[in-house]
C-alpha atoms as a PDB file:
ATOM      1  CA  MET A   1     -24.366 -37.236  71.072  1.00  0.00           C
ATOM      2  CA  THR A   2     -24.342 -36.273  67.349  1.00  0.00           C
ATOM      3  CA  THR A   3     -27.611 -37.100  65.560  1.00  0.00           C
ATOM      4  CA  LEU A   4     -27.584 -37.780  61.884  1.00  0.00           C
ATOM      5  CA  ASP A   5     -30.505 -37.998  59.424  1.00  0.00           C
ATOM      6  CA  PRO A   6     -30.384 -40.865  57.080  1.00  0.00           C
ATOM      7  CA  LEU A   7     -33.159 -39.306  55.017  1.00  0.00           C
ATOM      8  CA  ALA A   8     -31.208 -36.168  54.285  1.00  0.00           C
ATOM      9  CA  GLY A   9     -29.852 -35.777  50.834  1.00  0.00           C
ATOM     10  CA  PRO A  10     -30.318 -37.874  47.665  1.00  0.00           C
ATOM     11  CA  GLY A  11     -28.824 -41.111  48.866  1.00  0.00           C
ATOM     12  CA  TYR A  12     -31.617 -42.683  50.841  1.00  0.00           C
ATOM     13  CA  PRO A  13     -34.308 -42.325  48.145  1.00  0.00           C
ATOM     14  CA  ALA A  14     -31.820 -43.685  45.518  1.00  0.00           C
ATOM     15  CA  LEU A  15     -31.090 -46.667  47.858  1.00  0.00           C
ATOM     16  CA  VAL A  16     -34.795 -47.363  48.331  1.00  0.00           C
ATOM     17  CA  ALA A  17     -35.355 -47.152  44.529  1.00  0.00           C
ATOM     18  CA  LEU A  18     -32.559 -49.694  44.207  1.00  0.00           C
ATOM     19  CA  ALA A  19     -34.103 -51.886  46.737  1.00  0.00           C
ATOM     20  CA  ARG A  20     -37.428 -51.828  45.008  1.00  0.00           C
ATOM     21  CA  ALA A  21     -35.787 -52.614  41.672  1.00  0.00           C
ATOM     22  CA  VAL A  22     -34.080 -55.561  43.085  1.00  0.00           C
ATOM     23  CA  ASP A  23     -37.167 -56.894  44.726  1.00  0.00           C
ATOM     24  CA  GLU A  24     -39.092 -56.647  41.543  1.00  0.00           C
ATOM     25  CA  ASP A  25     -36.630 -58.994  39.897  1.00  0.00           C
ATOM     26  CA  VAL A  26     -36.322 -61.753  42.566  1.00  0.00           C
ATOM     27  CA  SER A  27     -37.526 -65.211  41.653  1.00  0.00           C
ATOM     28  CA  VAL A  28     -36.218 -67.002  44.777  1.00  0.00           C
ATOM     29  CA  SER A  29     -38.700 -67.280  47.588  1.00  0.00           C
ATOM     30  CA  GLU A  30     -39.672 -64.297  49.767  1.00  0.00           C
ATOM     31  CA  GLY A  31     -38.841 -66.389  52.836  1.00  0.00           C
ATOM     32  CA  LEU A  32     -35.397 -67.163  51.598  1.00  0.00           C
ATOM     33  CA  VAL A  33     -34.754 -63.535  50.719  1.00  0.00           C
ATOM     34  CA  GLU A  34     -35.724 -62.596  54.203  1.00  0.00           C
ATOM     35  CA  LEU A  35     -33.409 -65.150  55.702  1.00  0.00           C
ATOM     36  CA  VAL A  36     -30.599 -63.725  53.506  1.00  0.00           C
ATOM     37  CA  ARG A  37     -31.410 -60.322  54.718  1.00  0.00           C
ATOM     38  CA  LEU A  38     -31.530 -61.298  58.383  1.00  0.00           C
ATOM     39  CA  ARG A  39     -28.274 -63.279  58.150  1.00  0.00           C
ATOM     40  CA  CYS A  40     -26.447 -60.349  56.522  1.00  0.00           C
ATOM     41  CA  SER A  41     -27.756 -57.971  59.233  1.00  0.00           C
ATOM     42  CA  GLN A  42     -26.522 -60.364  61.872  1.00  0.00           C
ATOM     43  CA  VAL A  43     -23.123 -60.495  60.399  1.00  0.00           C
ATOM     44  CA  ASN A  44     -23.026 -56.730  60.142  1.00  0.00           C
ATOM     45  CA  GLY A  45     -24.295 -56.274  63.773  1.00  0.00           C
ATOM     46  CA  CYS A  46     -27.321 -54.218  62.593  1.00  0.00           C
ATOM     47  CA  ALA A  47     -29.881 -54.677  65.349  1.00  0.00           C
ATOM     48  CA  TYR A  48     -32.479 -52.421  63.595  1.00  0.00           C
ATOM     49  CA  CYS A  49     -32.426 -54.530  60.384  1.00  0.00           C
ATOM     50  CA  GLN A  50     -32.321 -57.717  62.365  1.00  0.00           C
ATOM     51  CA  ARG A  51     -35.501 -56.740  64.193  1.00  0.00           C
ATOM     52  CA  LEU A  52     -36.987 -55.643  60.819  1.00  0.00           C
ATOM     53  CA  HIS A  53     -36.242 -58.746  58.832  1.00  0.00           C
ATOM     54  CA  GLY A  54     -36.791 -61.115  61.605  1.00  0.00           C
ATOM     55  CA  ALA A  55     -40.301 -59.820  62.060  1.00  0.00           C
ATOM     56  CA  ARG A  56     -40.913 -59.917  58.208  1.00  0.00           C
ATOM     57  CA  ALA A  57     -39.592 -63.600  58.125  1.00  0.00           C
ATOM     58  CA  VAL A  58     -42.110 -64.514  60.830  1.00  0.00           C
ATOM     59  CA  GLU A  59     -44.868 -62.725  58.794  1.00  0.00           C
ATOM     60  CA  LEU A  60     -43.960 -64.932  55.835  1.00  0.00           C
ATOM     61  CA  GLY A  61     -44.295 -68.131  57.964  1.00  0.00           C
ATOM     62  CA  GLU A  62     -40.605 -68.595  59.252  1.00  0.00           C
ATOM     63  CA  SER A  63     -40.503 -70.444  62.535  1.00  0.00           C
ATOM     64  CA  ALA A  64     -38.927 -68.979  65.706  1.00  0.00           C
ATOM     65  CA  GLU A  65     -36.886 -72.002  65.874  1.00  0.00           C
ATOM     66  CA  ARG A  66     -35.238 -71.500  62.421  1.00  0.00           C
ATOM     67  CA  ILE A  67     -34.719 -67.825  63.024  1.00  0.00           C
ATOM     68  CA  ALA A  68     -33.149 -68.541  66.384  1.00  0.00           C
ATOM     69  CA  ALA A  69     -30.877 -71.067  64.667  1.00  0.00           C
ATOM     70  CA  LEU A  70     -29.910 -68.782  61.763  1.00  0.00           C
ATOM     71  CA  ALA A  71     -26.667 -67.294  63.459  1.00  0.00           C
ATOM     72  CA  GLY A  72     -25.413 -70.884  63.647  1.00  0.00           C
ATOM     73  CA  TRP A  73     -26.939 -72.413  60.527  1.00  0.00           C
ATOM     74  CA  ARG A  74     -23.806 -74.295  59.465  1.00  0.00           C
ATOM     75  CA  GLY A  75     -24.276 -76.472  62.568  1.00  0.00           C
ATOM     76  CA  SER A  76     -27.994 -76.814  62.246  1.00  0.00           C
ATOM     77  CA  ALA A  77     -30.131 -79.498  60.413  1.00  0.00           C
ATOM     78  CA  LEU A  78     -32.999 -76.953  60.011  1.00  0.00           C
ATOM     79  CA  PHE A  79     -31.737 -75.495  56.681  1.00  0.00           C
ATOM     80  CA  ASP A  80     -31.823 -77.425  53.379  1.00  0.00           C
ATOM     81  CA  PRO A  81     -29.048 -77.370  50.845  1.00  0.00           C
ATOM     82  CA  GLU A  82     -30.731 -74.571  48.718  1.00  0.00           C
ATOM     83  CA  GLU A  83     -30.939 -72.378  51.795  1.00  0.00           C
ATOM     84  CA  ARG A  84     -27.385 -73.245  52.803  1.00  0.00           C
ATOM     85  CA  ALA A  85     -25.992 -72.264  49.255  1.00  0.00           C
ATOM     86  CA  ALA A  86     -27.891 -68.905  49.615  1.00  0.00           C
ATOM     87  CA  LEU A  87     -26.653 -68.151  53.135  1.00  0.00           C
ATOM     88  CA  GLU A  88     -23.111 -69.039  52.256  1.00  0.00           C
ATOM     89  CA  LEU A  89     -23.163 -66.641  49.217  1.00  0.00           C
ATOM     90  CA  ALA A  90     -24.753 -63.906  51.284  1.00  0.00           C
ATOM     91  CA  GLU A  91     -22.065 -64.263  53.924  1.00  0.00           C
ATOM     92  CA  ALA A  92     -19.398 -64.329  51.381  1.00  0.00           C
ATOM     93  CA  VAL A  93     -20.758 -61.063  49.755  1.00  0.00           C
ATOM     94  CA  THR A  94     -21.098 -59.509  53.276  1.00  0.00           C
ATOM     95  CA  LEU A  95     -17.604 -60.390  54.140  1.00  0.00           C
ATOM     96  CA  VAL A  96     -15.965 -59.352  50.879  1.00  0.00           C
ATOM     97  CA  ALA A  97     -13.134 -57.703  52.550  1.00  0.00           C
ATOM     98  CA  ASP A  98     -11.918 -61.103  53.472  1.00  0.00           C
ATOM     99  CA  GLY A  99     -11.463 -61.743  49.727  1.00  0.00           C
ATOM    100  CA  ARG A 100     -13.342 -62.590  46.637  1.00  0.00           C
ATOM    101  CA  VAL A 101     -16.461 -64.771  46.750  1.00  0.00           C
ATOM    102  CA  PRO A 102     -14.971 -68.355  46.526  1.00  0.00           C
ATOM    103  CA  GLU A 103     -15.537 -70.093  43.349  1.00  0.00           C
ATOM    104  CA  GLU A 104     -17.027 -73.175  45.125  1.00  0.00           C
ATOM    105  CA  VAL A 105     -19.542 -70.746  47.001  1.00  0.00           C
ATOM    106  CA  LEU A 106     -20.699 -69.247  43.846  1.00  0.00           C
ATOM    107  CA  ASP A 107     -20.833 -72.587  41.999  1.00  0.00           C
ATOM    108  CA  ALA A 108     -23.076 -73.999  44.763  1.00  0.00           C
ATOM    109  CA  ALA A 109     -25.423 -71.060  44.566  1.00  0.00           C
ATOM    110  CA  VAL A 110     -25.683 -71.368  40.803  1.00  0.00           C
ATOM    111  CA  ALA A 111     -26.357 -75.084  41.135  1.00  0.00           C
ATOM    112  CA  ALA A 112     -29.025 -74.507  43.763  1.00  0.00           C
ATOM    113  CA  HIS A 113     -30.657 -71.431  42.259  1.00  0.00           C
ATOM    114  CA  GLY A 114     -29.424 -71.028  38.710  1.00  0.00           C
ATOM    115  CA  VAL A 115     -27.421 -68.147  37.325  1.00  0.00           C
ATOM    116  CA  ALA A 116     -30.283 -65.655  37.561  1.00  0.00           C
ATOM    117  CA  GLY A 117     -31.088 -66.780  41.148  1.00  0.00           C
ATOM    118  CA  ALA A 118     -27.480 -66.457  42.257  1.00  0.00           C
ATOM    119  CA  GLN A 119     -27.220 -62.954  40.730  1.00  0.00           C
ATOM    120  CA  GLN A 120     -30.416 -62.026  42.402  1.00  0.00           C
ATOM    121  CA  LEU A 121     -29.222 -63.322  45.721  1.00  0.00           C
ATOM    122  CA  ILE A 122     -26.043 -61.132  45.351  1.00  0.00           C
ATOM    123  CA  TRP A 123     -28.030 -58.061  44.661  1.00  0.00           C
ATOM    124  CA  VAL A 124     -30.302 -58.714  47.716  1.00  0.00           C
ATOM    125  CA  SER A 125     -27.168 -59.115  49.847  1.00  0.00           C
ATOM    126  CA  LEU A 126     -25.631 -55.928  48.346  1.00  0.00           C
ATOM    127  CA  VAL A 127     -28.756 -53.892  49.032  1.00  0.00           C
ATOM    128  CA  VAL A 128     -29.317 -55.017  52.647  1.00  0.00           C
ATOM    129  CA  ASN A 129     -25.509 -54.599  53.254  1.00  0.00           C
ATOM    130  CA  ALA A 130     -25.876 -51.037  52.223  1.00  0.00           C
ATOM    131  CA  PHE A 131     -28.931 -50.488  54.493  1.00  0.00           C
ATOM    132  CA  ASN A 132     -27.046 -52.092  57.372  1.00  0.00           C
ATOM    133  CA  ARG A 133     -24.107 -49.805  56.960  1.00  0.00           C
ATOM    134  CA  LEU A 134     -26.332 -46.801  56.880  1.00  0.00           C
ATOM    135  CA  ALA A 135     -28.202 -47.798  60.004  1.00  0.00           C
ATOM    136  CA  VAL A 136     -24.943 -48.682  61.865  1.00  0.00           C
ATOM    137  CA  GLY A 137     -23.028 -45.739  60.453  1.00  0.00           C
ATOM    138  CA  MET A 138     -25.795 -43.267  61.479  1.00  0.00           C
ATOM    139  CA  ARG A 139     -26.188 -45.025  64.794  1.00  0.00           C
ATOM    140  CA  LEU A 140     -29.730 -46.045  64.209  1.00  0.00           C
ATOM    141  CA  ALA A 141     -28.823 -49.785  65.105  1.00  0.00           C
END
């Protein structure tokens, strides 16, 4: 089996620098950011990032019940409207090949988190999607 090194070349350090820059500018709660990262990782099938962000969410006080329900968040009463807006936006960004982020999804995220918060959630989603694709593409996941 071919083994690839995700640390080889300039890409990985640049991605880490981008992630740090995005994290410095996030005003939404760390717990919600980890739920967004975990949900994007679930959608992308990245087992490595699911483990990482699931553990981080627990460290931040997230319950095992909510983490277990995250994959089916739409049918769960465990997530509040602000979380739902963030998760919907994160999924729309993750599944962008299905089409543009729907206007109502973006509007709901802006209503829940403000323009700056919605933009930050898009950047968080973008960065975790890049890490997911790196891990899956290089068979780390």
